[in-house]
Amino acid sequence: MLRYSRQVLFPPIGDSGQNRIRAASVVIVGCGALGSFQAESLTRAGIGKLRIIDRDYVDFSNLQRQMLYVEADAENETPKAIAAAARLAQVNAQVQVDPRVSDLTPSNAEDLLSDCHLILDGTDNFETRYLINDISVKHGIPWVYGAAVASRGLVMPVIPGLGACFACVYPDPPSGLQPTCDVDGVLGAITAAIAARQVALCLRWLVGWPDFRCAIETYDVWTGHSRYIAPSPDPHCAVCGRRQFTYLDGFHRKPVSLCGRNAVQLHENARPLDLRQLAERLRPLGGVRVNDFALRLTLSRFELTVFPDGRAIVKGTTDIGVARSVYARYIGT
């Protein structure tokens, strides 16, 4: 226990809390700026099992704020889940890390999430968060929502039966223009601050600390402003009130723009692809790189990354129609 001695000396944790942490299983969905910080913090804290789910690969633009990755990961286009697992094995070999190079979808969400004690949000879109919320309420699994852009961020724990769920606060996705990393940028300081608070809430729940309040906490690391709001559960909420799990049932599945990437992810054409065979077909059309995890085709205006399950990321546009056209042109429908 020498490794965790300073953590054990903190009275709210102690020996019993450390034993609970060591016996716990946590899933991190998305291993970008938030998720990479969460993963390293929990690994150093001695979590028992950590599953990391991420659909993306390491890019040079990630290195400014995503703690686990190095330049070699970007040069080799290593999937984030794989790069994270390799780094975490060096940090703490006692932790069981389960990397999944996958997009969280209605078809795999229950398999990937339903066997854990808590879920941490490291995603970049509302569709996936609504899907996590459906799993949380259906199976009674707590999760901690987090988001950050520019110098601002927010955190909200969702504890089924204890407070408002995500859909109580956001019955529908925000409409109109929203701040994005592509337009407004993002400071590494705010992603670290938000992820640190998510980890603290995670540990507080795992050790069984009493008086756990489900509240929205907002921070601005540039101005120092913060707010704390405790929303009440909505008795008419479609999810926790009427138990309608429409995202889990797949009624809202659509392409999503990726924060900070000038890119669109497409997943409606999911089917197994032989990447090596596809690479041979595409080589005359542009620069092609392929490994066991992904194929990348570099064109004059776009960059197309295709995964073995048929999912793709089209870089160079945020227009879903254009992204679909690029995919259809080079991969088919």
Protein backbone atom coordinates (compact mmCIF):
# COMPACT_ATOMS: atom_id res chain seq x y z
CA MET A 1 0.00 0.00 0.00
CA LEU A 2 3.05 2.32 -0.01
CA ARG A 3 2.13 3.37 -3.55
CA TYR A 4 -1.20 4.78 -2.30
CA SER A 5 -0.08 5.92 1.16
CA ARG A 6 -0.71 9.64 0.59
CA GLN A 7 -4.17 8.88 -0.71
CA VAL A 8 -4.92 6.55 2.21
CA LEU A 9 -3.84 9.28 4.64
CA PHE A 10 -6.73 11.43 3.34
CA PRO A 11 -9.42 10.67 5.98
CA PRO A 12 -12.42 10.40 3.62
CA ILE A 13 -10.61 7.54 1.80
CA GLY A 14 -8.49 5.67 4.32
CA ASP A 15 -7.79 1.93 4.09
CA SER A 16 -11.42 0.96 3.53
CA GLY A 17 -11.89 3.50 0.75
CA GLN A 18 -8.71 2.38 -0.97
CA ASN A 19 -9.96 -1.21 -0.89
CA ARG A 20 -13.19 -0.07 -2.54
CA ILE A 21 -11.26 1.78 -5.23
CA ARG A 22 -9.15 -1.31 -5.89
CA ALA A 23 -12.30 -3.44 -6.25
CA ALA A 24 -14.09 -1.00 -8.58
CA SER A 25 -14.60 -1.08 -12.34
CA VAL A 26 -14.92 2.21 -14.24
CA VAL A 27 -15.56 2.88 -17.92
CA ILE A 28 -14.27 6.00 -19.66
CA VAL A 29 -16.12 6.85 -22.87
CA GLY A 30 -13.83 8.95 -25.04
CA CYS A 31 -10.11 9.23 -24.31
CA GLY A 32 -9.41 12.75 -25.51
CA ALA A 33 -8.66 15.80 -23.37
CA LEU A 34 -11.02 14.79 -20.55
CA GLY A 35 -10.72 11.03 -20.84
CA SER A 36 -6.93 10.86 -20.99
CA PHE A 37 -6.63 12.89 -17.78
CA GLN A 38 -9.31 10.73 -16.12
CA ALA A 39 -7.57 7.52 -17.17
CA GLU A 40 -4.17 8.48 -15.80
CA SER A 41 -5.61 9.86 -12.56
CA LEU A 42 -7.65 6.72 -11.86
CA THR A 43 -4.73 4.47 -12.78
CA ARG A 44 -2.47 6.30 -10.36
CA ALA A 45 -5.25 6.12 -7.73
CA GLY A 46 -5.27 2.32 -7.99
CA ILE A 47 -8.60 1.63 -9.67
CA GLY A 48 -9.18 -2.11 -10.10
CA LYS A 49 -10.39 -2.23 -13.70
CA LEU A 50 -10.51 0.52 -16.29
CA ARG A 51 -12.21 0.12 -19.67
CA ILE A 52 -11.37 2.79 -22.23
CA ILE A 53 -13.68 3.22 -25.23
CA ASP A 54 -12.54 5.51 -28.03
CA ARG A 55 -13.21 5.56 -31.76
CA ASP A 56 -10.40 7.94 -32.75
CA TYR A 57 -6.65 7.98 -33.40
CA VAL A 58 -3.97 10.33 -32.03
CA ASP A 59 -3.50 13.54 -34.00
CA PHE A 60 -0.82 16.23 -33.52
CA SER A 61 -3.54 18.74 -32.55
CA ASN A 62 -4.33 16.50 -29.55
CA LEU A 63 -0.92 16.88 -27.93
CA GLN A 64 -1.62 20.39 -26.56
CA ARG A 65 -4.09 19.07 -23.98
CA GLN A 66 -4.36 15.26 -24.10
CA MET A 67 -2.04 14.04 -21.40
CA LEU A 68 -1.33 10.40 -22.23
CA TYR A 69 -0.01 10.79 -25.76
CA VAL A 70 3.37 11.63 -27.29
CA GLU A 71 4.55 12.65 -30.76
CA ALA A 72 5.23 9.05 -31.79
CA ASP A 73 1.56 8.20 -31.22
CA ALA A 74 0.54 10.97 -33.62
CA GLU A 75 3.19 10.03 -36.19
CA ASN A 76 2.03 6.39 -36.11
CA GLU A 77 -1.67 7.35 -36.03
CA THR A 78 -2.15 5.02 -33.08
CA PRO A 79 -5.73 4.52 -31.87
CA LYS A 80 -6.19 6.49 -28.66
CA ALA A 81 -7.43 3.50 -26.66
CA ILE A 82 -4.33 1.48 -27.63
CA ALA A 83 -1.88 4.32 -26.96
CA ALA A 84 -3.56 5.04 -23.64
CA ALA A 85 -3.40 1.41 -22.53
CA ALA A 86 0.31 1.19 -23.38
CA ARG A 87 1.09 4.32 -21.37
CA LEU A 88 -1.06 3.26 -18.40
CA ALA A 89 0.67 -0.12 -18.22
CA GLN A 90 3.89 1.80 -17.54
CA VAL A 91 2.18 3.95 -14.90
CA ASN A 92 0.62 1.16 -12.84
CA ALA A 93 0.86 -2.49 -13.89
CA GLN A 94 -1.57 -3.47 -11.10
CA VAL A 95 -4.51 -1.88 -12.90
CA GLN A 96 -6.41 -3.99 -15.43
CA VAL A 97 -6.85 -1.78 -18.50
CA ASP A 98 -9.29 -2.90 -21.19
CA PRO A 99 -8.90 -0.77 -24.37
CA ARG A 100 -11.72 -0.84 -26.91
CA VAL A 101 -11.17 0.79 -30.30
CA SER A 102 -14.84 1.33 -30.92
CA ASP A 103 -17.61 3.85 -31.30
CA LEU A 104 -20.25 3.61 -28.57
CA THR A 105 -23.49 2.71 -30.38
CA PRO A 106 -26.95 1.44 -29.42
CA SER A 107 -25.90 -2.04 -30.57
CA ASN A 108 -22.87 -2.31 -28.26
CA ALA A 109 -23.63 0.12 -25.42
CA GLU A 110 -25.11 -2.40 -23.00
CA ASP A 111 -22.26 -4.87 -23.54
CA LEU A 112 -19.63 -2.17 -22.98
CA LEU A 113 -21.22 -0.26 -20.09
CA SER A 114 -23.61 -2.41 -18.07
CA ASP A 115 -20.98 -4.33 -16.07
CA CYS A 116 -19.23 -1.36 -14.43
CA HIS A 117 -19.68 0.61 -11.20
CA LEU A 118 -19.47 4.08 -12.79
CA ILE A 119 -19.10 5.75 -16.19
CA LEU A 120 -17.01 8.85 -16.90
CA ASP A 121 -17.89 11.06 -19.86
CA GLY A 122 -15.01 12.09 -22.09
CA THR A 123 -17.10 12.45 -25.25
CA ASP A 124 -17.56 15.41 -27.58
CA ASN A 125 -21.21 15.16 -28.66
CA PHE A 126 -24.69 15.09 -27.15
CA GLU A 127 -25.85 11.98 -29.00
CA THR A 128 -23.38 9.77 -27.13
CA ARG A 129 -24.19 11.45 -23.81
CA TYR A 130 -27.89 10.74 -24.24
CA LEU A 131 -26.97 7.13 -24.98
CA ILE A 132 -24.87 6.93 -21.79
CA ASN A 133 -27.75 8.48 -19.86
CA ASP A 134 -30.15 5.82 -21.18
CA ILE A 135 -27.80 3.07 -19.99
CA SER A 136 -27.31 4.83 -16.64
CA VAL A 137 -31.01 5.10 -15.87
CA LYS A 138 -31.94 1.68 -17.25
CA HIS A 139 -29.25 -0.18 -15.28
CA GLY A 140 -28.88 2.15 -12.28
CA ILE A 141 -25.22 2.98 -13.05
CA PRO A 142 -23.92 6.44 -12.02
CA TRP A 143 -22.11 8.58 -14.58
CA VAL A 144 -20.38 11.97 -14.54
CA TYR A 145 -20.98 14.36 -17.44
CA GLY A 146 -18.24 16.82 -18.35
CA ALA A 147 -17.65 19.34 -21.13
CA ALA A 148 -15.15 22.09 -21.90
CA VAL A 149 -14.54 24.69 -24.60
CA ALA A 150 -12.41 27.86 -24.67
CA SER A 151 -11.80 28.58 -20.94
CA ARG A 152 -15.18 27.34 -19.69
CA GLY A 153 -16.43 23.96 -18.57
CA LEU A 154 -19.05 22.16 -16.54
CA VAL A 155 -19.51 18.96 -14.57
CA MET A 156 -22.68 17.13 -13.56
CA PRO A 157 -22.91 13.76 -11.79
CA VAL A 158 -25.98 11.66 -12.60
CA ILE A 159 -26.93 9.19 -9.86
CA PRO A 160 -30.13 7.31 -10.79
CA GLY A 161 -32.74 7.71 -8.07
CA LEU A 162 -30.79 10.44 -6.27
CA GLY A 163 -31.19 13.50 -8.51
CA ALA A 164 -31.92 14.82 -11.98
CA CYS A 165 -30.75 12.81 -14.96
CA PHE A 166 -29.12 14.32 -18.04
CA ALA A 167 -32.42 14.38 -19.94
CA CYS A 168 -34.11 16.25 -17.06
CA VAL A 169 -31.68 19.12 -17.59
CA TYR A 170 -31.39 18.80 -21.39
CA PRO A 171 -34.68 17.35 -22.71
CA ASP A 172 -33.43 18.13 -26.23
CA PRO A 173 -29.99 18.82 -27.68
CA PRO A 174 -29.06 22.54 -27.75
CA SER A 175 -30.20 24.32 -30.90
CA GLY A 176 -28.63 27.18 -32.81
CA LEU A 177 -24.97 28.12 -32.88
CA GLN A 178 -22.91 26.51 -30.13
CA PRO A 179 -19.29 27.20 -29.15
CA THR A 180 -16.85 24.64 -30.54
CA CYS A 181 -13.15 23.89 -30.20
CA ASP A 182 -12.73 24.57 -33.94
CA VAL A 183 -14.00 28.15 -33.61
CA ASP A 184 -13.38 29.12 -29.99
CA GLY A 185 -10.35 26.98 -29.18
CA VAL A 186 -9.80 25.29 -25.81
CA LEU A 187 -7.29 25.67 -22.99
CA GLY A 188 -5.58 22.62 -21.56
CA ALA A 189 -6.16 24.16 -18.13
CA ILE A 190 -9.96 23.90 -18.39
CA THR A 191 -9.96 20.31 -19.69
CA ALA A 192 -7.64 19.32 -16.83
CA ALA A 193 -9.80 21.14 -14.28
CA ILE A 194 -13.04 19.55 -15.49
CA ALA A 195 -11.52 16.06 -15.72
CA ALA A 196 -10.02 16.41 -12.24
CA ARG A 197 -13.42 17.28 -10.80
CA GLN A 198 -14.97 14.31 -12.61
CA VAL A 199 -12.35 12.01 -11.07
CA ALA A 200 -12.92 13.47 -7.60
CA LEU A 201 -16.67 12.83 -7.91
CA CYS A 202 -15.96 9.31 -9.16
CA LEU A 203 -13.72 8.50 -6.17
CA ARG A 204 -16.17 10.10 -3.75
CA TRP A 205 -18.93 7.82 -5.03
CA LEU A 206 -16.77 4.70 -5.08
CA VAL A 207 -15.64 5.08 -1.46
CA GLY A 208 -19.25 5.58 -0.34
CA TRP A 209 -18.92 9.14 0.94
CA PRO A 210 -22.32 10.32 2.30
CA ASP A 211 -24.27 13.45 1.30
CA PHE A 212 -23.56 13.09 -2.42
CA ARG A 213 -25.36 15.93 -4.25
CA CYS A 214 -26.19 15.88 -7.95
CA ALA A 215 -25.48 19.42 -9.10
CA ILE A 216 -24.22 21.30 -12.15
CA GLU A 217 -20.89 22.99 -11.49
CA THR A 218 -19.55 25.50 -14.02
CA TYR A 219 -16.05 26.97 -14.10
CA ASP A 220 -14.10 29.54 -16.11
CA VAL A 221 -10.38 29.14 -15.47
CA TRP A 222 -9.58 32.42 -17.24
CA THR A 223 -11.88 34.68 -15.21
CA GLY A 224 -12.10 32.53 -12.08
CA HIS A 225 -15.90 32.58 -12.13
CA SER A 226 -17.87 29.53 -10.95
CA ARG A 227 -21.51 28.58 -10.36
CA TYR A 228 -23.29 25.75 -8.59
CA ILE A 229 -26.88 24.75 -9.43
CA ALA A 230 -28.77 21.74 -8.06
CA PRO A 231 -31.59 20.92 -10.54
CA SER A 232 -34.60 18.94 -9.36
CA PRO A 233 -35.64 15.73 -11.15
CA ASP A 234 -38.36 16.25 -13.74
CA PRO A 235 -41.27 13.87 -12.95
CA HIS A 236 -42.25 14.10 -16.63
CA CYS A 237 -38.74 13.32 -17.91
CA ALA A 238 -38.93 10.91 -20.85
CA VAL A 239 -35.97 8.89 -19.54
CA CYS A 240 -36.03 8.71 -15.73
CA GLY A 241 -39.74 9.55 -15.45
CA ARG A 242 -41.33 7.51 -18.25
CA ARG A 243 -38.31 5.21 -18.86
CA GLN A 244 -38.26 5.73 -22.62
CA PHE A 245 -34.77 4.89 -23.86
CA THR A 246 -34.99 6.23 -27.40
CA TYR A 247 -31.24 6.73 -27.88
CA LEU A 248 -30.52 3.21 -26.72
CA ASP A 249 -33.23 1.97 -29.06
CA GLY A 250 -31.39 3.67 -31.94
CA PHE A 251 -33.97 6.24 -32.94
CA HIS A 252 -31.51 9.18 -32.96
CA ARG A 253 -28.47 7.69 -34.70
CA LYS A 254 -26.85 10.21 -37.05
CA PRO A 255 -23.41 11.46 -38.16
CA VAL A 256 -21.61 13.80 -35.76
CA SER A 257 -19.06 16.57 -36.21
CA LEU A 258 -15.91 16.01 -34.15
CA CYS A 259 -14.91 18.81 -31.79
CA GLY A 260 -11.62 20.44 -32.73
CA ARG A 261 -11.07 18.27 -35.81
CA ASN A 262 -12.91 19.96 -38.73
CA ALA A 263 -14.23 16.47 -39.37
CA VAL A 264 -17.39 14.37 -39.49
CA GLN A 265 -17.80 10.82 -38.23
CA LEU A 266 -20.03 8.55 -40.32
CA HIS A 267 -21.36 5.28 -38.96
CA GLU A 268 -24.61 4.56 -40.78
CA ASN A 269 -22.80 2.32 -43.33
CA ALA A 270 -21.34 -0.01 -40.72
CA ARG A 271 -20.27 -3.37 -42.13
CA PRO A 272 -17.01 -5.37 -41.97
CA LEU A 273 -14.28 -4.12 -44.31
CA ASP A 274 -11.00 -5.75 -45.34
CA LEU A 275 -8.69 -2.75 -44.91
CA ARG A 276 -5.72 -4.32 -46.70
CA GLN A 277 -7.84 -5.12 -49.74
CA LEU A 278 -9.39 -1.65 -49.65
CA ALA A 279 -5.92 -0.08 -49.47
CA GLU A 280 -4.87 -1.77 -52.72
CA ARG A 281 -7.96 -0.44 -54.45
CA LEU A 282 -7.46 3.13 -53.21
CA ARG A 283 -3.69 3.52 -53.72
CA PRO A 284 -3.99 4.95 -57.26
CA LEU A 285 -6.28 7.70 -55.95
CA GLY A 286 -4.10 9.22 -53.22
CA GLY A 287 -1.74 8.57 -50.37
CA VAL A 288 -2.77 5.48 -48.39
CA ARG A 289 -1.59 4.28 -44.97
CA VAL A 290 -3.04 1.18 -43.36
CA ASN A 291 -2.60 -0.88 -40.20
CA ASP A 292 -4.73 -3.33 -38.25
CA PHE A 293 -6.86 -0.55 -36.78
CA ALA A 294 -7.53 1.91 -39.62
CA LEU A 295 -6.91 2.97 -43.20
CA ARG A 296 -6.18 6.58 -44.08
CA LEU A 297 -6.61 8.01 -47.59
CA THR A 298 -5.13 11.50 -48.14
CA LEU A 299 -6.74 13.48 -50.93
CA SER A 300 -6.21 17.06 -52.12
CA ARG A 301 -9.13 18.48 -50.07
CA PHE A 302 -10.04 15.71 -47.65
CA GLU A 303 -8.60 13.02 -45.46
CA LEU A 304 -10.66 9.84 -45.12
CA THR A 305 -10.00 7.43 -42.24
CA VAL A 306 -11.87 4.13 -42.43
CA PHE A 307 -12.16 1.55 -39.64
CA PRO A 308 -12.69 -2.23 -39.89
CA ASP A 309 -16.37 -1.94 -38.91
CA GLY A 310 -17.09 0.44 -41.82
CA ARG A 311 -17.17 3.56 -39.67
CA ALA A 312 -15.27 6.51 -41.12
CA ILE A 313 -13.98 9.97 -40.27
CA VAL A 314 -13.91 12.53 -43.07
CA LYS A 315 -11.52 15.37 -42.25
CA GLY A 316 -11.66 18.69 -44.08
CA THR A 317 -15.34 19.48 -43.65
CA THR A 318 -18.04 19.81 -41.00
CA ASP A 319 -20.79 19.44 -43.60
CA ILE A 320 -22.46 16.04 -43.14
CA GLY A 321 -23.68 15.97 -46.73
CA VAL A 322 -20.18 16.56 -48.10
CA ALA A 323 -18.76 13.90 -45.77
CA ARG A 324 -21.33 11.37 -46.95
CA SER A 325 -20.52 12.21 -50.57
CA VAL A 326 -16.78 11.62 -50.00
CA TYR A 327 -17.50 8.30 -48.32
CA ALA A 328 -19.82 7.15 -51.09
CA ARG A 329 -17.33 8.16 -53.76
CA TYR A 330 -14.40 6.19 -52.38
CA ILE A 331 -15.89 3.46 -50.18
CA GLY A 332 -19.42 2.98 -51.52
CA THR A 333 -22.73 2.84 -49.66
